[in-house]
Amino acid sequence: MAEQAGAGIIRSDDPALARDLERIARQERELILPGLTEEDAWIMGCWLRQTANERRHPIAIDIRRGGHTLFSASLDGATPDNLGWIARKARVAARFHRSSYAVGLQLLQEGKTIAERFGLPEAEYAPFGGAFPLRVRGVGVVGTLCVSGLPQREDHRLVVEALATFIDVPLDTIQIPS
C-alpha cells in the first residue's frame, strides 16, 4: 500500500511514516490559538492567499468556525473540485480533531480505508493532507483550516506554516520534511 506524498512515496512499512505521525501529533499539540475571531481568520486567510500567490500555488482556502465559513478564497488555477476536496478533508479534521493528513497516514499504517476502519463514506470524508483542526487554548477544537490544490503533503505543510506564522511558533521546530 502506498500513497503519494509530495515528491516521494510513503509506504505503510516506511519508518518515515511513524516519524511523520509523531511530528504531526506535536503540531496538533503545539499549534494552539489564543482565540479565533473573524479578524483572526481574515489575517490567516490573507497570509495564505498572499503566500500562495507569491509561490504560484493553484489552491483554494477555507477557514471555518463551528461550520461557519470565516474565510474562503480560490486562487488562479484552483478548480471547483478543490472546494469538494476541502469539504471532505474538513469533515475528517472536524470529526477526529486531528489533521486530515494524520488520519490518512494512520489509516495507511493500519492498511485500511476510512470506510473499512470507521464506516464513513469516502464520497464525504477524505483522509488526505490539507485540513487542520483549529484549537483554542482552554476551549478545544472550534473549527478547521483547509487548503486544496497541491499534493497532499504540501497542502498539509502549507496549513502548518500558516498556523505557525500566525501564532509565532518557529516553523523549523515542527514542520514535516518536504
Protein backbone atom coordinates (compact mmCIF):
# COMPACT_ATOMS: atom_id res chain seq x y z
CA MET A 1 0.00 0.00 0.00
CA ALA A 2 1.45 3.38 -0.95
CA GLU A 3 0.33 6.98 -1.10
CA GLN A 4 1.62 9.98 -2.97
CA ALA A 5 3.36 12.26 -0.51
CA GLY A 6 4.91 15.36 -2.02
CA ALA A 7 7.65 14.28 -4.37
CA GLY A 8 8.00 10.79 -2.89
CA ILE A 9 6.01 7.76 -1.94
CA ILE A 10 5.36 6.71 1.65
CA ARG A 11 4.82 3.01 2.20
CA SER A 12 2.95 1.57 5.16
CA ASP A 13 6.18 -0.08 6.40
CA ASP A 14 8.37 3.03 5.94
CA PRO A 15 9.96 4.28 9.21
CA ALA A 16 9.35 7.83 7.92
CA LEU A 17 5.62 7.19 8.37
CA ALA A 18 5.96 6.80 12.15
CA ARG A 19 8.24 9.86 12.31
CA ASP A 20 5.71 11.93 10.36
CA LEU A 21 2.88 10.80 12.64
CA GLU A 22 4.92 11.78 15.72
CA ARG A 23 5.74 15.18 14.24
CA ILE A 24 2.11 15.81 13.24
CA ALA A 25 0.95 14.88 16.76
CA ARG A 26 3.39 17.51 18.04
CA GLN A 27 1.98 20.05 15.58
CA GLU A 28 -1.52 19.28 16.84
CA ARG A 29 -0.38 19.79 20.46
CA GLU A 30 1.58 23.00 19.85
CA LEU A 31 -0.39 24.89 17.21
CA ILE A 32 -2.95 26.26 19.67
CA LEU A 33 -4.64 29.59 19.01
CA PRO A 34 -5.30 32.13 21.78
CA GLY A 35 -8.73 32.69 20.18
CA LEU A 36 -10.44 32.58 16.79
CA THR A 37 -12.24 35.74 15.77
CA GLU A 38 -13.37 36.76 12.33
CA GLU A 39 -10.37 39.10 12.24
CA ASP A 40 -8.00 36.21 13.09
CA ALA A 41 -9.45 34.16 10.23
CA TRP A 42 -9.09 37.15 7.88
CA ILE A 43 -5.42 37.62 8.84
CA MET A 44 -4.59 33.90 8.44
CA GLY A 45 -6.56 33.66 5.21
CA CYS A 46 -4.96 36.76 3.70
CA TRP A 47 -1.49 35.49 4.67
CA LEU A 48 -2.26 32.16 3.00
CA ARG A 49 -3.65 33.86 -0.10
CA GLN A 50 -0.66 36.20 -0.44
CA THR A 51 1.87 33.40 0.19
CA ALA A 52 0.15 31.06 -2.27
CA ASN A 53 0.02 33.82 -4.90
CA GLU A 54 3.73 34.54 -4.46
CA ARG A 55 4.50 30.83 -4.84
CA ARG A 56 2.03 30.45 -7.71
CA HIS A 57 0.08 27.74 -5.88
CA PRO A 58 -3.30 26.99 -7.53
CA ILE A 59 -5.17 26.45 -4.27
CA ALA A 60 -8.50 27.02 -2.60
CA ILE A 61 -8.52 28.13 1.05
CA ASP A 62 -11.22 27.67 3.68
CA ILE A 63 -11.34 28.66 7.36
CA ARG A 64 -14.36 27.60 9.40
CA ARG A 65 -15.51 28.01 12.97
CA GLY A 66 -18.29 25.67 14.05
CA GLY A 67 -19.44 25.09 10.49
CA HIS A 68 -19.50 28.84 9.74
CA THR A 69 -17.18 29.91 6.91
CA LEU A 70 -15.00 32.79 8.10
CA PHE A 71 -12.67 32.95 5.08
CA SER A 72 -12.80 31.39 1.64
CA ALA A 73 -10.74 32.08 -1.47
CA SER A 74 -9.76 30.39 -4.71
CA LEU A 75 -6.56 31.38 -6.47
CA ASP A 76 -5.72 31.23 -10.16
CA GLY A 77 -5.65 27.62 -11.26
CA ALA A 78 -7.89 26.31 -8.48
CA THR A 79 -10.98 24.45 -9.68
CA PRO A 80 -14.45 23.80 -8.28
CA ASP A 81 -13.19 20.30 -7.46
CA ASN A 82 -10.83 21.82 -4.88
CA LEU A 83 -13.87 23.04 -2.94
CA GLY A 84 -15.21 19.49 -2.85
CA TRP A 85 -11.87 18.25 -1.53
CA ILE A 86 -11.92 20.99 1.12
CA ALA A 87 -15.36 19.93 2.34
CA ARG A 88 -14.32 16.27 2.53
CA LYS A 89 -10.98 16.93 4.24
CA ALA A 90 -12.52 19.42 6.68
CA ARG A 91 -15.08 16.78 7.72
CA VAL A 92 -12.20 14.47 8.68
CA ALA A 93 -10.44 17.14 10.77
CA ALA A 94 -13.70 18.21 12.42
CA ARG A 95 -14.80 14.65 13.23
CA PHE A 96 -11.49 13.31 14.56
CA HIS A 97 -9.95 16.55 15.90
CA ARG A 98 -6.80 15.52 14.02
CA SER A 99 -5.27 16.79 10.82
CA SER A 100 -6.69 15.05 7.78
CA TYR A 101 -3.13 14.06 6.84
CA ALA A 102 -2.55 12.37 10.22
CA VAL A 103 -5.78 10.40 9.85
CA GLY A 104 -4.75 9.33 6.34
CA LEU A 105 -1.26 8.29 7.44
CA GLN A 106 -2.70 6.34 10.39
CA LEU A 107 -5.06 4.51 8.02
CA LEU A 108 -2.13 3.80 5.69
CA GLN A 109 -0.18 2.37 8.64
CA GLU A 110 -3.16 0.15 9.51
CA GLY A 111 -3.70 -0.87 5.88
CA LYS A 112 -7.33 0.28 5.96
CA THR A 113 -9.56 2.81 4.24
CA ILE A 114 -11.73 5.28 6.11
CA ALA A 115 -14.75 3.22 5.06
CA GLU A 116 -13.25 -0.02 6.39
CA ARG A 117 -11.98 1.45 9.67
CA PHE A 118 -14.80 3.85 10.56
CA GLY A 119 -17.68 3.03 8.22
CA LEU A 120 -17.53 6.52 6.72
CA PRO A 121 -18.33 7.11 3.04
CA GLU A 122 -15.27 8.10 1.01
CA ALA A 123 -17.51 10.40 -1.04
CA GLU A 124 -17.93 12.55 2.10
CA TYR A 125 -14.67 12.03 4.03
CA ALA A 126 -11.20 12.45 2.52
CA PRO A 127 -8.30 11.49 4.80
CA PHE A 128 -5.71 13.36 2.75
CA GLY A 129 -3.46 16.26 3.71
CA GLY A 130 -4.72 19.81 3.88
CA ALA A 131 -7.20 20.19 6.76
CA PHE A 132 -6.06 21.04 10.27
CA PRO A 133 -8.22 21.36 13.40
CA LEU A 134 -8.21 24.84 14.91
CA ARG A 135 -7.75 24.55 18.67
CA VAL A 136 -8.28 27.45 21.02
CA ARG A 137 -6.41 27.41 24.33
CA GLY A 138 -8.74 26.44 27.16
CA VAL A 139 -11.61 25.66 24.76
CA GLY A 140 -10.57 22.89 22.35
CA VAL A 141 -11.31 22.39 18.67
CA VAL A 142 -13.53 25.15 17.31
CA GLY A 143 -13.03 24.86 13.56
CA THR A 144 -10.78 23.93 10.67
CA LEU A 145 -8.22 25.49 8.36
CA CYS A 146 -8.07 23.78 4.99
CA VAL A 147 -6.35 24.15 1.62
CA SER A 148 -6.59 22.07 -1.53
CA GLY A 149 -4.72 22.16 -4.80
CA LEU A 150 -1.21 20.88 -4.09
CA PRO A 151 -0.01 17.33 -3.44
CA GLN A 152 -1.46 16.36 -0.07
CA ARG A 153 1.81 16.58 1.86
CA GLU A 154 2.35 20.12 0.56
CA ASP A 155 -1.24 21.08 1.40
CA HIS A 156 -0.53 19.92 4.98
CA ARG A 157 2.80 21.74 5.15
CA LEU A 158 1.16 24.97 3.96
CA VAL A 159 -1.59 24.97 6.62
CA VAL A 160 1.01 24.22 9.31
CA GLU A 161 3.15 27.09 8.03
CA ALA A 162 0.15 29.43 8.18
CA LEU A 163 -0.72 28.46 11.75
CA ALA A 164 2.89 28.58 12.95
CA THR A 165 3.32 32.03 11.38
CA PHE A 166 0.09 33.32 12.91
CA ILE A 167 0.95 32.23 16.47
CA ASP A 168 4.71 32.80 16.11
CA VAL A 169 5.93 29.22 16.51
CA PRO A 170 9.31 28.57 14.83
CA LEU A 171 8.47 26.51 11.76
CA ASP A 172 11.76 24.60 11.74
CA THR A 173 10.87 23.03 15.09
CA ILE A 174 7.57 21.47 14.00
CA GLN A 175 7.36 21.16 10.20
CA ILE A 176 7.46 17.76 8.50
CA PRO A 177 10.16 17.44 5.81
CA SER A 178 9.18 18.21 2.23
